């Protein structure tokens, strides 16, 4: 019973963390793309599009480019935090599943 509760808790925490981090990452990425005159992208390609837009910006405004670079730097940190949180939640779920599998049958 405790293992099942731990599994459900880990799944809930992962889903909640996913939603919060994805929203923050998407917002930051799209802000950087807009600063460079680009349209927002799907999450799977946003980070790479922002990186490419920084390498060849459509704008020549140094302030806008600097803003986008700062956003990209912060985004790199957020992406690492997101990956770490996801990894931690997956490990918690694996541990909970191991507890369930090793529990004696009633």
C-alpha atoms as a PDB file:
ATOM      1  CA  UNK A   1       0.000   0.000   0.000  1.00  0.00           C
ATOM      2  CA  UNK A   2       2.794   2.428   0.933  1.00  0.00           C
ATOM      3  CA  UNK A   3       4.626   1.589  -2.291  1.00  0.00           C
ATOM      4  CA  UNK A   4       1.536   2.292  -4.393  1.00  0.00           C
ATOM      5  CA  UNK A   5       1.070   5.600  -2.598  1.00  0.00           C
ATOM      6  CA  UNK A   6       4.729   6.468  -3.230  1.00  0.00           C
ATOM      7  CA  UNK A   7       4.304   5.628  -6.909  1.00  0.00           C
ATOM      8  CA  UNK A   8       1.196   7.784  -7.260  1.00  0.00           C
ATOM      9  CA  UNK A   9       2.870  10.635  -5.394  1.00  0.00           C
ATOM     10  CA  UNK A  10       5.947  10.434  -7.652  1.00  0.00           C
ATOM     11  CA  UNK A  11       3.764  10.412 -10.770  1.00  0.00           C
ATOM     12  CA  UNK A  12       1.796  13.409  -9.513  1.00  0.00           C
ATOM     13  CA  UNK A  13       4.947  15.353  -8.659  1.00  0.00           C
ATOM     14  CA  UNK A  14       6.426  14.593 -12.073  1.00  0.00           C
ATOM     15  CA  UNK A  15       3.286  15.734 -13.881  1.00  0.00           C
ATOM     16  CA  UNK A  16       3.073  18.926 -11.844  1.00  0.00           C
ATOM     17  CA  UNK A  17       6.775  19.677 -12.345  1.00  0.00           C
ATOM     18  CA  UNK A  18       6.463  18.931 -16.054  1.00  0.00           C
ATOM     19  CA  UNK A  19       3.618  21.384 -16.510  1.00  0.00           C
ATOM     20  CA  UNK A  20       5.280  24.209 -14.572  1.00  0.00           C
ATOM     21  CA  UNK A  21       8.673  23.779 -16.198  1.00  0.00           C
ATOM     22  CA  UNK A  22       7.274  23.365 -19.713  1.00  0.00           C
ATOM     23  CA  UNK A  23       5.220  26.524 -19.372  1.00  0.00           C
ATOM     24  CA  UNK A  24       8.222  28.469 -18.067  1.00  0.00           C
ATOM     25  CA  UNK A  25      10.534  27.097 -20.771  1.00  0.00           C
ATOM     26  CA  UNK A  26       8.024  27.765 -23.558  1.00  0.00           C
ATOM     27  CA  UNK A  27       7.420  31.305 -22.317  1.00  0.00           C
ATOM     28  CA  UNK A  28      11.133  32.106 -22.153  1.00  0.00           C
ATOM     29  CA  UNK A  29      11.858  30.536 -25.532  1.00  0.00           C
ATOM     30  CA  UNK A  30       9.013  32.312 -27.271  1.00  0.00           C
ATOM     31  CA  UNK A  31      10.022  35.633 -25.698  1.00  0.00           C
ATOM     32  CA  UNK A  32      13.525  35.176 -27.103  1.00  0.00           C
ATOM     33  CA  UNK A  33      12.176  34.246 -30.542  1.00  0.00           C
ATOM     34  CA  UNK A  34       9.841  37.257 -30.583  1.00  0.00           C
ATOM     35  CA  UNK A  35      12.732  39.548 -29.596  1.00  0.00           C
ATOM     36  CA  UNK A  36      14.555  38.344 -32.702  1.00  0.00           C
ATOM     37  CA  UNK A  37      11.549  38.790 -35.003  1.00  0.00           C
ATOM     38  CA  UNK A  38      10.742  35.080 -35.157  1.00  0.00           C
ATOM     39  CA  UNK A  39       7.393  33.327 -34.729  1.00  0.00           C
ATOM     40  CA  UNK A  40       6.926  31.071 -31.684  1.00  0.00           C
ATOM     41  CA  UNK A  41       7.653  27.383 -32.273  1.00  0.00           C
ATOM     42  CA  UNK A  42       6.620  23.981 -31.010  1.00  0.00           C
ATOM     43  CA  UNK A  43       8.407  23.009 -27.800  1.00  0.00           C
ATOM     44  CA  UNK A  44      10.497  20.308 -29.452  1.00  0.00           C
ATOM     45  CA  UNK A  45      12.114  22.801 -31.783  1.00  0.00           C
ATOM     46  CA  UNK A  46      11.940  26.062 -29.828  1.00  0.00           C
ATOM     47  CA  UNK A  47      15.326  25.802 -28.139  1.00  0.00           C
ATOM     48  CA  UNK A  48      17.109  24.957 -31.403  1.00  0.00           C
ATOM     49  CA  UNK A  49      15.238  27.670 -33.295  1.00  0.00           C
ATOM     50  CA  UNK A  50      16.219  30.262 -30.704  1.00  0.00           C
ATOM     51  CA  UNK A  51      19.832  29.117 -30.891  1.00  0.00           C
ATOM     52  CA  UNK A  52      19.753  29.363 -34.710  1.00  0.00           C
ATOM     53  CA  UNK A  53      18.039  32.765 -34.569  1.00  0.00           C
ATOM     54  CA  UNK A  54      20.783  34.027 -32.261  1.00  0.00           C
ATOM     55  CA  UNK A  55      23.420  32.836 -34.707  1.00  0.00           C
ATOM     56  CA  UNK A  56      21.739  34.744 -37.547  1.00  0.00           C
ATOM     57  CA  UNK A  57      19.312  37.338 -36.121  1.00  0.00           C
ATOM     58  CA  UNK A  58      16.863  39.153 -38.407  1.00  0.00           C
ATOM     59  CA  UNK A  59      17.277  42.270 -36.290  1.00  0.00           C
ATOM     60  CA  UNK A  60      20.386  44.397 -35.996  1.00  0.00           C
ATOM     61  CA  UNK A  61      19.223  46.006 -32.749  1.00  0.00           C
ATOM     62  CA  UNK A  62      21.957  45.205 -30.190  1.00  0.00           C
ATOM     63  CA  UNK A  63      19.551  45.591 -27.250  1.00  0.00           C
ATOM     64  CA  UNK A  64      17.123  43.041 -28.689  1.00  0.00           C
ATOM     65  CA  UNK A  65      19.945  40.637 -29.478  1.00  0.00           C
ATOM     66  CA  UNK A  66      21.336  41.050 -25.950  1.00  0.00           C
ATOM     67  CA  UNK A  67      17.880  40.398 -24.490  1.00  0.00           C
ATOM     68  CA  UNK A  68      17.545  37.237 -26.563  1.00  0.00           C
ATOM     69  CA  UNK A  69      21.037  36.070 -25.530  1.00  0.00           C
ATOM     70  CA  UNK A  70      20.173  36.609 -21.871  1.00  0.00           C
ATOM     71  CA  UNK A  71      16.930  34.672 -22.362  1.00  0.00           C
ATOM     72  CA  UNK A  72      18.826  31.849 -24.068  1.00  0.00           C
ATOM     73  CA  UNK A  73      21.302  31.683 -21.187  1.00  0.00           C
ATOM     74  CA  UNK A  74      18.496  31.520 -18.601  1.00  0.00           C
ATOM     75  CA  UNK A  75      16.696  28.980 -20.752  1.00  0.00           C
ATOM     76  CA  UNK A  76      19.733  26.700 -20.685  1.00  0.00           C
ATOM     77  CA  UNK A  77      19.590  26.712 -16.872  1.00  0.00           C
ATOM     78  CA  UNK A  78      15.834  26.063 -16.856  1.00  0.00           C
ATOM     79  CA  UNK A  79      16.218  23.182 -19.318  1.00  0.00           C
ATOM     80  CA  UNK A  80      18.825  21.584 -17.036  1.00  0.00           C
ATOM     81  CA  UNK A  81      16.555  21.957 -14.000  1.00  0.00           C
ATOM     82  CA  UNK A  82      13.667  20.449 -15.959  1.00  0.00           C
ATOM     83  CA  UNK A  83      15.779  17.482 -17.041  1.00  0.00           C
ATOM     84  CA  UNK A  84      17.022  16.940 -13.489  1.00  0.00           C
ATOM     85  CA  UNK A  85      13.489  17.083 -12.047  1.00  0.00           C
ATOM     86  CA  UNK A  86      12.227  14.662 -14.654  1.00  0.00           C
ATOM     87  CA  UNK A  87      15.105  12.259 -13.980  1.00  0.00           C
ATOM     88  CA  UNK A  88      14.477  12.428 -10.231  1.00  0.00           C
ATOM     89  CA  UNK A  89      10.750  11.755 -10.654  1.00  0.00           C
ATOM     90  CA  UNK A  90      11.402   8.810 -12.966  1.00  0.00           C
ATOM     91  CA  UNK A  91      13.815   7.337 -10.422  1.00  0.00           C
ATOM     92  CA  UNK A  92      11.210   7.728  -7.668  1.00  0.00           C
ATOM     93  CA  UNK A  93       8.649   5.920  -9.813  1.00  0.00           C
ATOM     94  CA  UNK A  94      11.096   3.103 -10.585  1.00  0.00           C
ATOM     95  CA  UNK A  95      11.828   2.712  -6.875  1.00  0.00           C
ATOM     96  CA  UNK A  96       8.123   2.627  -6.063  1.00  0.00           C
ATOM     97  CA  UNK A  97       7.522   0.014  -8.766  1.00  0.00           C
ATOM     98  CA  UNK A  98      10.340  -2.113  -7.345  1.00  0.00           C
ATOM     99  CA  UNK A  99       8.686  -1.916  -3.912  1.00  0.00           C
ATOM    100  CA  UNK A 100       5.362  -2.975  -5.401  1.00  0.00           C
ATOM    101  CA  UNK A 101       6.922  -5.871  -7.300  1.00  0.00           C
ATOM    102  CA  UNK A 102       8.844  -7.096  -4.264  1.00  0.00           C
ATOM    103  CA  UNK A 103       5.902  -6.832  -1.873  1.00  0.00           C
ATOM    104  CA  UNK A 104       4.470 -10.150  -0.736  1.00  0.00           C
ATOM    105  CA  UNK A 105       1.144 -11.090  -2.321  1.00  0.00           C
ATOM    106  CA  UNK A 106      -1.878 -10.776  -0.028  1.00  0.00           C
END
